[in-house]
Amino acid sequence: MSLRDPWPWYVAGPSIGLFAPLLLWLGNRSFGVSSTLRDICAAVYPRRLTHFLYDWRREGGWNLMFVAGILIGGIVAGTVLRDPSPVAISEATRASLRALGITDFTGLAPASLFDWRSLATLRGWIVLAGGGFLVGFGTAYGGGCTSGHGLSGVGDLQRASFVALVFFFVGGIVGTFVLLPLVLGRAA
């Protein structure tokens, strides 16, 4: 097992699962990144809106460092530790994607969906703006993001996090089987 190879579930799962209680134990912090935007706004626009009137350095400074670490880690993983072999997905998934017109399985995400030519279309901009709005609205309305609810909230046995987690899965299923075919303009 190295940094270049996928980690088995019995190593990766407990590592992620133990991270949330470790944060609580070491610094009384919850795991999640959705509040980071509020911290950034409070740092950039202090004293202009009452929602941002709090000590962001004390309450959210660690979160900004955490998000910076995510970005730096992603860059290192995508450049230095990049694995050129194709992502292992089942033949049934490949067949379903081929039915939707996706045939290039190189890289981490289908280039036919995530290259600049696809994104620089009216449909691409609508999907980006609509998806961004829905994610932002959903995290604000739901009181957190998938990682915050799924790891910290469920770990704390918060009822709202269990409800949110159920709807995350429902949303993923609807997105996969209803919205993706609509966005691609093909019937599932």
N, C-alpha and C. Protein backbone atom coordinates (compact mmCIF):
# COMPACT_ATOMS: atom_id res chain seq x y z
N MET A 1 0.85 -1.18 0.00
CA MET A 1 0.00 0.00 0.00
C MET A 1 0.90 1.25 0.00
N SER A 2 0.68 2.11 -1.00
CA SER A 2 1.44 3.35 -1.10
C SER A 2 0.46 4.50 -1.36
N LEU A 3 0.99 5.70 -1.45
CA LEU A 3 0.13 6.86 -1.73
C LEU A 3 -0.39 6.83 -3.17
N ARG A 4 0.27 6.09 -4.05
CA ARG A 4 -0.15 6.03 -5.45
C ARG A 4 -1.26 4.99 -5.69
N ASP A 5 -1.40 4.05 -4.79
CA ASP A 5 -2.38 2.98 -4.96
C ASP A 5 -3.66 3.29 -4.18
N PRO A 6 -4.80 2.80 -4.67
CA PRO A 6 -6.03 2.96 -3.87
C PRO A 6 -5.89 2.18 -2.56
N TRP A 7 -6.35 2.76 -1.49
CA TRP A 7 -6.29 2.09 -0.20
C TRP A 7 -7.50 1.20 -0.06
N PRO A 8 -7.33 0.04 0.56
CA PRO A 8 -8.49 -0.83 0.76
C PRO A 8 -9.48 -0.19 1.73
N TRP A 9 -10.73 -0.61 1.60
CA TRP A 9 -11.80 -0.02 2.41
C TRP A 9 -11.53 -0.13 3.90
N TYR A 10 -10.90 -1.23 4.32
CA TYR A 10 -10.68 -1.47 5.74
C TYR A 10 -9.58 -0.58 6.31
N VAL A 11 -8.85 0.14 5.46
CA VAL A 11 -7.88 1.13 5.93
C VAL A 11 -8.46 2.54 5.76
N ALA A 12 -8.97 2.83 4.55
CA ALA A 12 -9.48 4.18 4.25
C ALA A 12 -10.72 4.51 5.09
N GLY A 13 -11.66 3.57 5.19
CA GLY A 13 -12.90 3.83 5.93
C GLY A 13 -12.66 4.16 7.39
N PRO A 14 -11.97 3.30 8.13
CA PRO A 14 -11.70 3.65 9.53
C PRO A 14 -10.85 4.91 9.70
N SER A 15 -9.94 5.17 8.77
CA SER A 15 -9.12 6.39 8.86
C SER A 15 -10.01 7.63 8.77
N ILE A 16 -10.92 7.63 7.81
CA ILE A 16 -11.84 8.77 7.66
C ILE A 16 -12.80 8.81 8.85
N GLY A 17 -13.30 7.66 9.25
CA GLY A 17 -14.25 7.60 10.36
C GLY A 17 -13.65 8.05 11.68
N LEU A 18 -12.38 7.79 11.89
CA LEU A 18 -11.74 8.19 13.15
C LEU A 18 -11.29 9.64 13.13
N PHE A 19 -11.25 10.26 11.95
CA PHE A 19 -10.82 11.65 11.84
C PHE A 19 -11.78 12.59 12.57
N ALA A 20 -13.08 12.36 12.42
CA ALA A 20 -14.08 13.23 13.06
C ALA A 20 -13.97 13.21 14.59
N PRO A 21 -13.93 12.03 15.24
CA PRO A 21 -13.78 12.06 16.70
C PRO A 21 -12.43 12.62 17.14
N LEU A 22 -11.40 12.42 16.33
CA LEU A 22 -10.09 12.98 16.66
C LEU A 22 -10.15 14.51 16.67
N LEU A 23 -10.84 15.10 15.70
CA LEU A 23 -11.02 16.56 15.68
C LEU A 23 -11.78 17.03 16.91
N LEU A 24 -12.81 16.30 17.29
CA LEU A 24 -13.58 16.68 18.49
C LEU A 24 -12.72 16.57 19.74
N TRP A 25 -11.95 15.52 19.83
CA TRP A 25 -11.14 15.27 21.01
C TRP A 25 -9.99 16.28 21.13
N LEU A 26 -9.30 16.56 20.01
CA LEU A 26 -8.14 17.45 20.06
C LEU A 26 -8.50 18.93 20.14
N GLY A 27 -9.56 19.33 19.44
CA GLY A 27 -9.83 20.76 19.41
C GLY A 27 -11.28 21.16 19.52
N ASN A 28 -12.15 20.20 19.85
CA ASN A 28 -13.59 20.46 19.93
C ASN A 28 -14.11 21.07 18.63
N ARG A 29 -13.69 20.50 17.50
CA ARG A 29 -14.06 20.98 16.18
C ARG A 29 -14.88 19.93 15.45
N SER A 30 -15.82 20.37 14.63
CA SER A 30 -16.60 19.47 13.79
C SER A 30 -15.98 19.40 12.42
N PHE A 31 -16.09 18.23 11.80
CA PHE A 31 -15.55 18.01 10.47
C PHE A 31 -16.57 18.48 9.44
N GLY A 32 -16.14 19.29 8.50
CA GLY A 32 -17.00 19.80 7.44
C GLY A 32 -16.40 21.07 6.88
N VAL A 33 -16.78 21.40 5.67
CA VAL A 33 -16.18 22.57 5.02
C VAL A 33 -17.21 23.60 4.54
N SER A 34 -18.49 23.35 4.71
CA SER A 34 -19.48 24.28 4.17
C SER A 34 -19.45 25.63 4.85
N SER A 35 -19.01 25.73 6.08
CA SER A 35 -18.95 27.02 6.77
C SER A 35 -17.75 27.85 6.34
N THR A 36 -16.87 27.28 5.54
CA THR A 36 -15.68 27.99 5.12
C THR A 36 -16.00 29.23 4.31
N LEU A 37 -17.03 29.17 3.46
CA LEU A 37 -17.41 30.34 2.67
C LEU A 37 -17.82 31.49 3.59
N ARG A 38 -18.53 31.19 4.65
CA ARG A 38 -18.90 32.23 5.62
C ARG A 38 -17.66 32.83 6.26
N ASP A 39 -16.68 31.97 6.59
CA ASP A 39 -15.43 32.46 7.18
C ASP A 39 -14.69 33.38 6.21
N ILE A 40 -14.65 33.01 4.94
CA ILE A 40 -13.98 33.84 3.93
C ILE A 40 -14.69 35.18 3.80
N CYS A 41 -16.02 35.16 3.74
CA CYS A 41 -16.79 36.40 3.63
C CYS A 41 -16.58 37.28 4.86
N ALA A 42 -16.52 36.68 6.04
CA ALA A 42 -16.30 37.45 7.27
C ALA A 42 -14.91 38.08 7.27
N ALA A 43 -13.94 37.42 6.66
CA ALA A 43 -12.58 37.97 6.59
C ALA A 43 -12.49 39.09 5.57
N VAL A 44 -13.22 38.96 4.45
CA VAL A 44 -13.13 39.93 3.37
C VAL A 44 -14.06 41.13 3.60
N TYR A 45 -15.26 40.89 4.11
CA TYR A 45 -16.25 41.95 4.32
C TYR A 45 -16.59 42.09 5.80
N PRO A 46 -15.63 42.42 6.65
CA PRO A 46 -15.95 42.51 8.07
C PRO A 46 -16.87 43.70 8.36
N ARG A 47 -17.78 43.46 9.28
CA ARG A 47 -18.66 44.48 9.83
C ARG A 47 -19.67 45.05 8.84
N ARG A 48 -19.89 44.39 7.71
CA ARG A 48 -20.87 44.92 6.77
C ARG A 48 -22.21 44.23 6.90
N LEU A 49 -22.24 42.97 7.20
CA LEU A 49 -23.48 42.23 7.38
C LEU A 49 -23.45 41.56 8.75
N THR A 50 -24.58 41.56 9.42
CA THR A 50 -24.62 41.00 10.77
C THR A 50 -24.29 39.50 10.78
N HIS A 51 -24.57 38.80 9.67
CA HIS A 51 -24.27 37.37 9.60
C HIS A 51 -22.76 37.11 9.73
N PHE A 52 -21.96 38.11 9.36
CA PHE A 52 -20.51 37.95 9.39
C PHE A 52 -19.86 38.60 10.60
N LEU A 53 -20.64 39.02 11.58
CA LEU A 53 -20.11 39.66 12.77
C LEU A 53 -19.75 38.60 13.82
N TYR A 54 -18.61 38.01 13.65
CA TYR A 54 -18.08 37.05 14.63
C TYR A 54 -16.57 36.98 14.43
N ASP A 55 -15.89 36.40 15.36
CA ASP A 55 -14.43 36.30 15.28
C ASP A 55 -14.06 35.10 14.41
N TRP A 56 -13.94 35.34 13.11
CA TRP A 56 -13.68 34.25 12.16
C TRP A 56 -12.31 33.63 12.38
N ARG A 57 -11.35 34.39 12.91
CA ARG A 57 -10.01 33.82 13.14
C ARG A 57 -10.07 32.74 14.22
N ARG A 58 -10.85 33.00 15.25
CA ARG A 58 -10.95 32.03 16.35
C ARG A 58 -11.86 30.87 15.99
N GLU A 59 -13.00 31.18 15.36
CA GLU A 59 -14.00 30.15 15.07
C GLU A 59 -13.73 29.40 13.77
N GLY A 60 -13.22 30.09 12.75
CA GLY A 60 -13.09 29.45 11.45
C GLY A 60 -11.71 29.41 10.86
N GLY A 61 -10.73 29.98 11.56
CA GLY A 61 -9.38 30.01 11.02
C GLY A 61 -8.83 28.62 10.72
N TRP A 62 -9.10 27.68 11.62
CA TRP A 62 -8.61 26.32 11.40
C TRP A 62 -9.27 25.71 10.18
N ASN A 63 -10.53 26.05 9.95
CA ASN A 63 -11.27 25.53 8.80
C ASN A 63 -10.66 26.01 7.49
N LEU A 64 -10.22 27.27 7.46
CA LEU A 64 -9.58 27.81 6.26
C LEU A 64 -8.27 27.05 5.98
N MET A 65 -7.53 26.74 7.02
CA MET A 65 -6.30 25.95 6.84
C MET A 65 -6.62 24.54 6.35
N PHE A 66 -7.70 23.98 6.87
CA PHE A 66 -8.13 22.65 6.45
C PHE A 66 -8.48 22.64 4.96
N VAL A 67 -9.24 23.65 4.50
CA VAL A 67 -9.62 23.73 3.09
C VAL A 67 -8.38 23.99 2.23
N ALA A 68 -7.46 24.81 2.71
CA ALA A 68 -6.21 25.02 1.97
C ALA A 68 -5.45 23.70 1.84
N GLY A 69 -5.46 22.90 2.89
CA GLY A 69 -4.82 21.58 2.82
C GLY A 69 -5.50 20.66 1.83
N ILE A 70 -6.85 20.74 1.73
CA ILE A 70 -7.57 19.95 0.75
C ILE A 70 -7.14 20.35 -0.66
N LEU A 71 -7.08 21.66 -0.92
CA LEU A 71 -6.68 22.14 -2.25
C LEU A 71 -5.25 21.73 -2.59
N ILE A 72 -4.34 21.93 -1.65
CA ILE A 72 -2.94 21.56 -1.90
C ILE A 72 -2.82 20.05 -2.06
N GLY A 73 -3.52 19.29 -1.23
CA GLY A 73 -3.50 17.83 -1.35
C GLY A 73 -4.04 17.36 -2.68
N GLY A 74 -5.11 18.01 -3.16
CA GLY A 74 -5.66 17.67 -4.47
C GLY A 74 -4.69 17.94 -5.60
N ILE A 75 -3.98 19.06 -5.52
CA ILE A 75 -2.99 19.39 -6.54
C ILE A 75 -1.85 18.38 -6.52
N VAL A 76 -1.36 18.06 -5.33
CA VAL A 76 -0.27 17.08 -5.22
C VAL A 76 -0.74 15.71 -5.73
N ALA A 77 -1.94 15.30 -5.33
CA ALA A 77 -2.45 13.99 -5.77
C ALA A 77 -2.68 13.96 -7.27
N GLY A 78 -3.11 15.07 -7.86
CA GLY A 78 -3.39 15.11 -9.29
C GLY A 78 -2.18 15.29 -10.17
N THR A 79 -1.07 15.72 -9.60
CA THR A 79 0.14 15.93 -10.40
C THR A 79 1.25 14.95 -10.01
N VAL A 80 1.71 15.04 -8.78
CA VAL A 80 2.84 14.22 -8.33
C VAL A 80 2.47 12.75 -8.18
N LEU A 81 1.30 12.48 -7.60
CA LEU A 81 0.90 11.10 -7.30
C LEU A 81 -0.07 10.53 -8.33
N ARG A 82 -0.21 11.17 -9.47
CA ARG A 82 -1.18 10.75 -10.49
C ARG A 82 -0.89 9.32 -10.96
N ASP A 83 -1.95 8.55 -11.05
CA ASP A 83 -1.88 7.18 -11.55
C ASP A 83 -2.43 7.18 -12.98
N PRO A 84 -1.61 6.88 -13.98
CA PRO A 84 -2.08 6.96 -15.36
C PRO A 84 -3.03 5.83 -15.78
N SER A 85 -3.15 4.80 -14.98
CA SER A 85 -4.03 3.70 -15.37
C SER A 85 -5.49 4.13 -15.25
N PRO A 86 -6.36 3.57 -16.10
CA PRO A 86 -7.76 3.96 -16.06
C PRO A 86 -8.42 3.59 -14.72
N VAL A 87 -9.43 4.36 -14.37
CA VAL A 87 -10.18 4.09 -13.15
C VAL A 87 -10.93 2.78 -13.34
N ALA A 88 -10.88 1.93 -12.33
CA ALA A 88 -11.53 0.63 -12.42
C ALA A 88 -13.02 0.78 -12.13
N ILE A 89 -13.83 0.63 -13.17
CA ILE A 89 -15.28 0.63 -13.01
C ILE A 89 -15.84 -0.62 -13.66
N SER A 90 -16.97 -1.06 -13.19
CA SER A 90 -17.54 -2.32 -13.66
C SER A 90 -18.02 -2.20 -15.10
N GLU A 91 -18.12 -3.34 -15.76
CA GLU A 91 -18.61 -3.36 -17.14
C GLU A 91 -20.07 -2.91 -17.22
N ALA A 92 -20.85 -3.21 -16.19
CA ALA A 92 -22.25 -2.77 -16.18
C ALA A 92 -22.33 -1.25 -16.15
N THR A 93 -21.46 -0.61 -15.37
CA THR A 93 -21.43 0.86 -15.32
C THR A 93 -20.98 1.42 -16.65
N ARG A 94 -19.96 0.80 -17.26
CA ARG A 94 -19.51 1.25 -18.58
C ARG A 94 -20.63 1.16 -19.61
N ALA A 95 -21.40 0.07 -19.56
CA ALA A 95 -22.51 -0.10 -20.51
C ALA A 95 -23.57 0.97 -20.29
N SER A 96 -23.88 1.27 -19.02
CA SER A 96 -24.86 2.32 -18.74
C SER A 96 -24.38 3.68 -19.23
N LEU A 97 -23.10 3.96 -19.03
CA LEU A 97 -22.54 5.23 -19.50
C LEU A 97 -22.49 5.30 -21.03
N ARG A 98 -22.17 4.18 -21.67
CA ARG A 98 -22.18 4.15 -23.14
C ARG A 98 -23.58 4.45 -23.68
N ALA A 99 -24.61 3.94 -23.00
CA ALA A 99 -25.99 4.20 -23.42
C ALA A 99 -26.32 5.69 -23.34
N LEU A 100 -25.62 6.41 -22.46
CA LEU A 100 -25.82 7.85 -22.33
C LEU A 100 -24.89 8.64 -23.25
N GLY A 101 -24.07 7.93 -24.03
CA GLY A 101 -23.17 8.59 -24.97
C GLY A 101 -21.79 8.89 -24.44
N ILE A 102 -21.46 8.37 -23.28
CA ILE A 102 -20.13 8.58 -22.70
C ILE A 102 -19.27 7.37 -23.04
N THR A 103 -18.22 7.59 -23.81
CA THR A 103 -17.40 6.47 -24.27
C THR A 103 -15.94 6.55 -23.83
N ASP A 104 -15.50 7.72 -23.39
CA ASP A 104 -14.10 7.89 -22.97
C ASP A 104 -14.00 7.66 -21.47
N PHE A 105 -13.33 6.59 -21.07
CA PHE A 105 -13.21 6.24 -19.66
C PHE A 105 -11.81 6.49 -19.10
N THR A 106 -11.03 7.31 -19.78
CA THR A 106 -9.69 7.65 -19.27
C THR A 106 -9.83 8.79 -18.27
N GLY A 107 -8.93 8.87 -17.33
CA GLY A 107 -8.97 9.93 -16.33
C GLY A 107 -9.97 9.62 -15.23
N LEU A 108 -10.11 10.58 -14.32
CA LEU A 108 -11.00 10.40 -13.18
C LEU A 108 -12.45 10.72 -13.50
N ALA A 109 -12.69 11.55 -14.50
CA ALA A 109 -14.04 11.94 -14.88
C ALA A 109 -14.13 11.93 -16.40
N PRO A 110 -15.28 11.59 -16.96
CA PRO A 110 -15.41 11.54 -18.41
C PRO A 110 -15.13 12.89 -19.06
N ALA A 111 -14.17 12.90 -19.99
CA ALA A 111 -13.81 14.14 -20.67
C ALA A 111 -14.97 14.71 -21.47
N SER A 112 -15.88 13.86 -21.94
CA SER A 112 -17.02 14.35 -22.71
C SER A 112 -17.97 15.19 -21.85
N LEU A 113 -17.86 15.06 -20.54
CA LEU A 113 -18.67 15.88 -19.63
C LEU A 113 -17.89 17.03 -19.02
N PHE A 114 -16.61 16.82 -18.77
CA PHE A 114 -15.85 17.77 -17.97
C PHE A 114 -14.69 18.42 -18.69
N ASP A 115 -14.66 18.41 -20.02
CA ASP A 115 -13.62 19.18 -20.70
C ASP A 115 -14.16 20.58 -20.97
N TRP A 116 -13.28 21.50 -21.34
CA TRP A 116 -13.68 22.90 -21.50
C TRP A 116 -14.69 23.08 -22.63
N ARG A 117 -14.60 22.27 -23.69
CA ARG A 117 -15.56 22.40 -24.79
C ARG A 117 -16.97 22.06 -24.32
N SER A 118 -17.11 21.07 -23.46
CA SER A 118 -18.43 20.71 -22.95
C SER A 118 -18.95 21.73 -21.95
N LEU A 119 -18.06 22.25 -21.13
CA LEU A 119 -18.47 23.20 -20.11
C LEU A 119 -18.76 24.59 -20.68
N ALA A 120 -18.14 24.94 -21.81
CA ALA A 120 -18.29 26.27 -22.39
C ALA A 120 -19.48 26.35 -23.35
N THR A 121 -20.50 25.58 -23.08
CA THR A 121 -21.73 25.64 -23.87
C THR A 121 -22.83 26.22 -22.98
N LEU A 122 -23.96 26.57 -23.58
CA LEU A 122 -25.07 27.08 -22.79
C LEU A 122 -25.51 26.03 -21.76
N ARG A 123 -25.62 24.78 -22.20
CA ARG A 123 -26.00 23.71 -21.27
C ARG A 123 -24.96 23.56 -20.17
N GLY A 124 -23.68 23.66 -20.52
CA GLY A 124 -22.61 23.55 -19.52
C GLY A 124 -22.69 24.64 -18.47
N TRP A 125 -22.94 25.87 -18.91
CA TRP A 125 -23.04 26.99 -17.97
C TRP A 125 -24.29 26.87 -17.10
N ILE A 126 -25.38 26.41 -17.69
CA ILE A 126 -26.60 26.22 -16.90
C ILE A 126 -26.38 25.16 -15.83
N VAL A 127 -25.72 24.06 -16.21
CA VAL A 127 -25.44 22.99 -15.25
C VAL A 127 -24.50 23.49 -14.16
N LEU A 128 -23.45 24.23 -14.54
CA LEU A 128 -22.51 24.74 -13.54
C LEU A 128 -23.19 25.72 -12.58
N ALA A 129 -23.91 26.69 -13.14
CA ALA A 129 -24.56 27.69 -12.29
C ALA A 129 -25.69 27.06 -11.46
N GLY A 130 -26.49 26.23 -12.10
CA GLY A 130 -27.58 25.56 -11.37
C GLY A 130 -27.07 24.63 -10.30
N GLY A 131 -26.07 23.84 -10.64
CA GLY A 131 -25.49 22.94 -9.66
C GLY A 131 -24.83 23.68 -8.51
N GLY A 132 -24.12 24.76 -8.83
CA GLY A 132 -23.49 25.56 -7.78
C GLY A 132 -24.52 26.18 -6.85
N PHE A 133 -25.60 26.70 -7.44
CA PHE A 133 -26.67 27.27 -6.61
C PHE A 133 -27.30 26.20 -5.73
N LEU A 134 -27.61 25.04 -6.31
CA LEU A 134 -28.25 23.98 -5.53
C LEU A 134 -27.35 23.48 -4.40
N VAL A 135 -26.06 23.35 -4.67
CA VAL A 135 -25.14 22.92 -3.61
C VAL A 135 -25.07 23.98 -2.52
N GLY A 136 -24.92 25.24 -2.90
CA GLY A 136 -24.86 26.31 -1.91
C GLY A 136 -26.13 26.43 -1.11
N PHE A 137 -27.27 26.41 -1.78
CA PHE A 137 -28.56 26.50 -1.09
C PHE A 137 -28.76 25.28 -0.20
N GLY A 138 -28.44 24.11 -0.72
CA GLY A 138 -28.63 22.87 0.05
C GLY A 138 -27.81 22.83 1.32
N THR A 139 -26.56 23.26 1.24
CA THR A 139 -25.73 23.23 2.45
C THR A 139 -26.19 24.27 3.46
N ALA A 140 -26.66 25.43 2.97
CA ALA A 140 -27.16 26.45 3.90
C ALA A 140 -28.48 26.00 4.52
N TYR A 141 -29.39 25.49 3.70
CA TYR A 141 -30.70 25.07 4.19
C TYR A 141 -30.59 23.83 5.08
N GLY A 142 -29.70 22.91 4.69
CA GLY A 142 -29.55 21.66 5.44
C GLY A 142 -28.63 21.77 6.65
N GLY A 143 -28.01 22.92 6.84
CA GLY A 143 -27.16 23.12 8.00
C GLY A 143 -25.82 22.42 7.91
N GLY A 144 -25.35 22.16 6.70
CA GLY A 144 -24.04 21.55 6.55
C GLY A 144 -23.91 20.77 5.27
N CYS A 145 -22.71 20.29 5.03
CA CYS A 145 -22.41 19.56 3.80
C CYS A 145 -22.42 18.05 4.07
N THR A 146 -22.18 17.30 3.02
CA THR A 146 -22.20 15.84 3.15
C THR A 146 -21.16 15.33 4.14
N SER A 147 -19.97 15.90 4.10
CA SER A 147 -18.93 15.44 5.02
C SER A 147 -19.26 15.84 6.46
N GLY A 148 -19.78 17.04 6.64
CA GLY A 148 -20.13 17.48 8.00
C GLY A 148 -21.23 16.64 8.61
N HIS A 149 -22.31 16.43 7.84
CA HIS A 149 -23.41 15.61 8.36
C HIS A 149 -23.01 14.14 8.42
N GLY A 150 -22.41 13.64 7.34
CA GLY A 150 -22.12 12.21 7.25
C GLY A 150 -21.07 11.72 8.22
N LEU A 151 -20.10 12.56 8.53
CA LEU A 151 -19.04 12.12 9.43
C LEU A 151 -19.22 12.66 10.85
N SER A 152 -19.33 13.97 10.96
CA SER A 152 -19.45 14.55 12.31
C SER A 152 -20.84 14.38 12.89
N GLY A 153 -21.86 14.73 12.11
CA GLY A 153 -23.22 14.68 12.63
C GLY A 153 -23.67 13.28 12.99
N VAL A 154 -23.42 12.33 12.09
CA VAL A 154 -23.80 10.94 12.38
C VAL A 154 -22.94 10.40 13.52
N GLY A 155 -21.67 10.80 13.55
CA GLY A 155 -20.80 10.37 14.65
C GLY A 155 -21.27 10.88 16.00
N ASP A 156 -21.92 12.06 15.98
CA ASP A 156 -22.49 12.63 17.21
C ASP A 156 -23.92 12.16 17.45
N LEU A 157 -24.42 11.28 16.59
CA LEU A 157 -25.78 10.74 16.67
C LEU A 157 -26.85 11.84 16.60
N GLN A 158 -26.59 12.85 15.74
CA GLN A 158 -27.56 13.92 15.56
C GLN A 158 -28.64 13.48 14.59
N ARG A 159 -29.87 13.58 15.01
CA ARG A 159 -31.00 13.12 14.20
C ARG A 159 -31.07 13.84 12.85
N ALA A 160 -30.82 15.14 12.86
CA ALA A 160 -30.87 15.92 11.62
C ALA A 160 -29.83 15.41 10.61
N SER A 161 -28.70 14.95 11.09
CA SER A 161 -27.66 14.44 10.19
C SER A 161 -28.06 13.10 9.57
N PHE A 162 -28.74 12.27 10.34
CA PHE A 162 -29.25 11.01 9.76
C PHE A 162 -30.28 11.30 8.67
N VAL A 163 -31.16 12.27 8.93
CA VAL A 163 -32.16 12.65 7.92
C VAL A 163 -31.46 13.22 6.69
N ALA A 164 -30.49 14.10 6.90
CA ALA A 164 -29.75 14.70 5.79
C ALA A 164 -29.04 13.62 4.97
N LEU A 165 -28.44 12.65 5.63
CA LEU A 165 -27.73 11.58 4.94
C LEU A 165 -28.66 10.76 4.05
N VAL A 166 -29.86 10.49 4.53
CA VAL A 166 -30.85 9.77 3.71
C VAL A 166 -31.14 10.57 2.45
N PHE A 167 -31.33 11.88 2.60
CA PHE A 167 -31.65 12.70 1.44
C PHE A 167 -30.45 12.89 0.51
N PHE A 168 -29.23 12.84 1.04
CA PHE A 168 -28.04 12.87 0.17
C PHE A 168 -28.06 11.66 -0.77
N PHE A 169 -28.37 10.50 -0.21
CA PHE A 169 -28.42 9.30 -1.04
C PHE A 169 -29.57 9.35 -2.04
N VAL A 170 -30.74 9.82 -1.59
CA VAL A 170 -31.87 9.97 -2.50
C VAL A 170 -31.51 10.93 -3.63
N GLY A 171 -30.89 12.05 -3.28
CA GLY A 171 -30.47 13.02 -4.29
C GLY A 171 -29.46 12.44 -5.26
N GLY A 172 -28.54 11.63 -4.77
CA GLY A 172 -27.57 10.98 -5.65
C GLY A 172 -28.23 10.02 -6.63
N ILE A 173 -29.21 9.28 -6.15
CA ILE A 173 -29.93 8.34 -7.02
C ILE A 173 -30.74 9.10 -8.07
N VAL A 174 -31.44 10.15 -7.64
CA VAL A 174 -32.22 10.96 -8.60
C VAL A 174 -31.28 11.64 -9.60
N GLY A 175 -30.17 12.15 -9.12
CA GLY A 175 -29.20 12.78 -10.02
C GLY A 175 -28.65 11.82 -11.05
N THR A 176 -28.37 10.61 -10.63
CA THR A 176 -27.79 9.61 -11.53
C THR A 176 -28.79 9.10 -12.55
N PHE A 177 -29.98 8.76 -12.09
CA PHE A 177 -30.93 8.08 -12.97
C PHE A 177 -31.96 8.99 -13.62
N VAL A 178 -32.11 10.23 -13.12
CA VAL A 178 -33.09 11.15 -13.71
C VAL A 178 -32.40 12.36 -14.33
N LEU A 179 -31.60 13.08 -13.53
CA LEU A 179 -31.02 14.33 -14.00
C LEU A 179 -29.90 14.14 -15.02
N LEU A 180 -29.01 13.18 -14.81
CA LEU A 180 -27.90 12.98 -15.75
C LEU A 180 -28.40 12.66 -17.16
N PRO A 181 -29.36 11.75 -17.33
CA PRO A 181 -29.89 11.54 -18.69
C PRO A 181 -30.55 12.80 -19.26
N LEU A 182 -31.21 13.60 -18.43
CA LEU A 182 -31.82 14.84 -18.92
C LEU A 182 -30.75 15.84 -19.37
N VAL A 183 -29.70 15.97 -18.57
CA VAL A 183 -28.64 16.90 -18.91
C VAL A 183 -27.93 16.48 -20.19
N LEU A 184 -27.75 15.19 -20.34
CA LEU A 184 -27.08 14.68 -21.54
C LEU A 184 -28.01 14.64 -22.74
N GLY A 185 -29.30 14.85 -22.51
CA GLY A 185 -30.27 14.86 -23.60
C GLY A 185 -30.59 13.47 -24.14
N ARG A 186 -30.45 12.47 -23.27
CA ARG A 186 -30.72 11.09 -23.69
C ARG A 186 -31.62 10.42 -22.66
N ALA A 187 -32.51 9.61 -23.11
CA ALA A 187 -33.37 8.86 -22.19
C ALA A 187 -32.59 7.72 -21.58
N ALA A 188 -32.82 7.48 -20.30
CA ALA A 188 -32.11 6.39 -19.61
C ALA A 188 -32.69 5.05 -20.02
